[in-house]
Amino acid sequence: MAGCVATDKTRDQATKNIYQAIELIDWGKQEELPARDLIRELIEWFIGDVLDELGTRKEVEYAFKILDDGTSADRQLRVYKETGSLEAVVDNLIQETEEGVW
């Protein structure tokens, strides 16, 4: 029985922002769309008109940032892969915290 070996390439693909990779069916349009586009559309369509009234627009729009840029863990991995430095990862976390990116 052959075994599976995880390489750096397969790990990179596995840790890719899943919302950028998956497609879902939009039954209204009868077509496949990237999950991030459909999730964005669902959020805007179902709750977009009450976000300002509830004072939650900033929090909900952060979900769009996650869909586009990945989670904090995705960003940390990206910084580490670019720099090879845990110190750079911590510096980036500090910067994001100071900017109010959670």
C-alpha atoms as a PDB file:
ATOM      1  CA  MET A   1       0.000   0.000   0.000  1.00  0.00           C
ATOM      2  CA  ALA A   2       1.450   3.375  -1.011  1.00  0.00           C
ATOM      3  CA  GLY A   3       1.729   6.085   1.599  1.00  0.00           C
ATOM      4  CA  CYS A   4       1.160   9.817   1.281  1.00  0.00           C
ATOM      5  CA  VAL A   5       4.005  12.214   1.848  1.00  0.00           C
ATOM      6  CA  ALA A   6       3.263  15.821   2.701  1.00  0.00           C
ATOM      7  CA  THR A   7       5.606  18.186   0.902  1.00  0.00           C
ATOM      8  CA  ASP A   8       5.967  21.937   1.372  1.00  0.00           C
ATOM      9  CA  LYS A   9       3.882  22.384  -1.788  1.00  0.00           C
ATOM     10  CA  THR A  10       1.014  20.208  -0.535  1.00  0.00           C
ATOM     11  CA  ARG A  11       1.118  21.905   2.876  1.00  0.00           C
ATOM     12  CA  ASP A  12       0.903  25.298   1.181  1.00  0.00           C
ATOM     13  CA  GLN A  13      -2.086  24.153  -0.847  1.00  0.00           C
ATOM     14  CA  ALA A  14      -3.763  22.686   2.240  1.00  0.00           C
ATOM     15  CA  THR A  15      -3.337  25.892   4.234  1.00  0.00           C
ATOM     16  CA  LYS A  16      -4.538  28.130   1.398  1.00  0.00           C
ATOM     17  CA  ASN A  17      -7.545  30.229   2.352  1.00  0.00           C
ATOM     18  CA  ILE A  18     -10.297  27.677   1.824  1.00  0.00           C
ATOM     19  CA  TYR A  19     -12.866  30.346   0.974  1.00  0.00           C
ATOM     20  CA  GLN A  20     -10.783  31.317  -2.044  1.00  0.00           C
ATOM     21  CA  ALA A  21     -10.558  27.738  -3.292  1.00  0.00           C
ATOM     22  CA  ILE A  22     -14.081  26.330  -2.890  1.00  0.00           C
ATOM     23  CA  GLU A  23     -16.964  27.009  -5.238  1.00  0.00           C
ATOM     24  CA  LEU A  24     -20.635  26.783  -4.267  1.00  0.00           C
ATOM     25  CA  ILE A  25     -23.764  26.728  -6.379  1.00  0.00           C
ATOM     26  CA  ASP A  26     -25.848  29.898  -6.503  1.00  0.00           C
ATOM     27  CA  TRP A  27     -29.234  28.354  -7.209  1.00  0.00           C
ATOM     28  CA  GLY A  28     -30.747  31.712  -8.166  1.00  0.00           C
ATOM     29  CA  LYS A  29     -28.150  32.264 -10.883  1.00  0.00           C
ATOM     30  CA  GLN A  30     -27.813  28.550 -11.692  1.00  0.00           C
ATOM     31  CA  GLU A  31     -23.999  28.760 -11.666  1.00  0.00           C
ATOM     32  CA  GLU A  32     -20.989  27.974  -9.533  1.00  0.00           C
ATOM     33  CA  LEU A  33     -19.387  30.898  -7.748  1.00  0.00           C
ATOM     34  CA  PRO A  34     -16.355  31.161  -5.494  1.00  0.00           C
ATOM     35  CA  ALA A  35     -17.522  30.577  -1.911  1.00  0.00           C
ATOM     36  CA  ARG A  36     -16.165  33.951  -0.790  1.00  0.00           C
ATOM     37  CA  ASP A  37     -18.313  35.755  -3.394  1.00  0.00           C
ATOM     38  CA  LEU A  38     -21.442  33.841  -2.439  1.00  0.00           C
ATOM     39  CA  ILE A  39     -20.853  34.301   1.309  1.00  0.00           C
ATOM     40  CA  ARG A  40     -20.325  38.037   0.751  1.00  0.00           C
ATOM     41  CA  GLU A  41     -23.546  38.220  -1.276  1.00  0.00           C
ATOM     42  CA  LEU A  42     -25.509  36.294   1.366  1.00  0.00           C
ATOM     43  CA  ILE A  43     -24.291  38.568   4.168  1.00  0.00           C
ATOM     44  CA  GLU A  44     -25.086  41.723   2.211  1.00  0.00           C
ATOM     45  CA  TRP A  45     -28.468  40.455   1.032  1.00  0.00           C
ATOM     46  CA  PHE A  46     -29.732  39.078   4.349  1.00  0.00           C
ATOM     47  CA  ILE A  47     -28.374  41.579   6.863  1.00  0.00           C
ATOM     48  CA  GLY A  48     -26.841  44.455   4.898  1.00  0.00           C
ATOM     49  CA  ASP A  49     -29.795  46.774   5.470  1.00  0.00           C
ATOM     50  CA  VAL A  50     -29.621  46.549   9.283  1.00  0.00           C
ATOM     51  CA  LEU A  51     -25.864  46.738   9.885  1.00  0.00           C
ATOM     52  CA  ASP A  52     -25.812  50.515  10.420  1.00  0.00           C
ATOM     53  CA  GLU A  53     -28.951  50.440  12.555  1.00  0.00           C
ATOM     54  CA  LEU A  54     -27.360  47.809  14.820  1.00  0.00           C
ATOM     55  CA  GLY A  55     -23.962  49.500  14.775  1.00  0.00           C
ATOM     56  CA  THR A  56     -22.266  46.301  13.620  1.00  0.00           C
ATOM     57  CA  ARG A  57     -21.090  47.151  10.098  1.00  0.00           C
ATOM     58  CA  LYS A  58     -17.384  47.221  11.072  1.00  0.00           C
ATOM     59  CA  GLU A  59     -17.567  43.814  12.755  1.00  0.00           C
ATOM     60  CA  VAL A  60     -19.453  42.181   9.892  1.00  0.00           C
ATOM     61  CA  GLU A  61     -17.212  43.748   7.265  1.00  0.00           C
ATOM     62  CA  TYR A  62     -14.248  42.139   9.015  1.00  0.00           C
ATOM     63  CA  ALA A  63     -15.707  38.845   7.771  1.00  0.00           C
ATOM     64  CA  PHE A  64     -15.063  40.182   4.255  1.00  0.00           C
ATOM     65  CA  LYS A  65     -11.412  40.798   5.177  1.00  0.00           C
ATOM     66  CA  ILE A  66     -11.133  37.179   6.313  1.00  0.00           C
ATOM     67  CA  LEU A  67     -12.693  36.013   3.060  1.00  0.00           C
ATOM     68  CA  ASP A  68     -10.222  38.098   1.044  1.00  0.00           C
ATOM     69  CA  ASP A  69      -7.025  37.870   3.118  1.00  0.00           C
ATOM     70  CA  GLY A  70      -7.500  34.803   5.305  1.00  0.00           C
ATOM     71  CA  THR A  71      -7.537  34.506   9.063  1.00  0.00           C
ATOM     72  CA  SER A  72      -4.908  35.786  11.465  1.00  0.00           C
ATOM     73  CA  ALA A  73      -3.323  32.324  11.310  1.00  0.00           C
ATOM     74  CA  ASP A  74      -3.165  32.554   7.499  1.00  0.00           C
ATOM     75  CA  ARG A  75      -1.477  35.956   7.734  1.00  0.00           C
ATOM     76  CA  GLN A  76       0.976  34.695  10.369  1.00  0.00           C
ATOM     77  CA  LEU A  77       1.958  31.766   8.152  1.00  0.00           C
ATOM     78  CA  ARG A  78       2.362  34.105   5.199  1.00  0.00           C
ATOM     79  CA  VAL A  79       4.681  36.423   7.182  1.00  0.00           C
ATOM     80  CA  TYR A  80       6.728  33.458   8.411  1.00  0.00           C
ATOM     81  CA  LYS A  81       7.066  32.011   4.903  1.00  0.00           C
ATOM     82  CA  GLU A  82       8.135  35.409   3.562  1.00  0.00           C
ATOM     83  CA  THR A  83      10.662  36.141   6.318  1.00  0.00           C
ATOM     84  CA  GLY A  84      11.511  32.873   8.076  1.00  0.00           C
ATOM     85  CA  SER A  85      11.388  34.879  11.284  1.00  0.00           C
ATOM     86  CA  LEU A  86       9.139  34.313  14.303  1.00  0.00           C
ATOM     87  CA  GLU A  87      10.107  37.802  15.436  1.00  0.00           C
ATOM     88  CA  ALA A  88       8.598  39.203  12.222  1.00  0.00           C
ATOM     89  CA  VAL A  89       5.410  37.249  12.927  1.00  0.00           C
ATOM     90  CA  VAL A  90       5.162  38.771  16.417  1.00  0.00           C
ATOM     91  CA  ASP A  91       5.942  42.243  15.046  1.00  0.00           C
ATOM     92  CA  ASN A  92       3.147  41.827  12.496  1.00  0.00           C
ATOM     93  CA  LEU A  93       0.713  40.726  15.228  1.00  0.00           C
ATOM     94  CA  ILE A  94       1.632  43.793  17.277  1.00  0.00           C
ATOM     95  CA  GLN A  95       1.112  46.025  14.247  1.00  0.00           C
ATOM     96  CA  GLU A  96      -2.280  44.487  13.460  1.00  0.00           C
ATOM     97  CA  THR A  97      -3.338  44.830  17.101  1.00  0.00           C
ATOM     98  CA  GLU A  98      -2.326  48.502  17.175  1.00  0.00           C
ATOM     99  CA  GLU A  99      -4.254  49.106  13.936  1.00  0.00           C
ATOM    100  CA  GLY A 100      -7.314  47.399  15.398  1.00  0.00           C
ATOM    101  CA  VAL A 101      -7.207  44.390  13.102  1.00  0.00           C
ATOM    102  CA  TRP A 102      -8.408  41.426  15.106  1.00  0.00           C
END
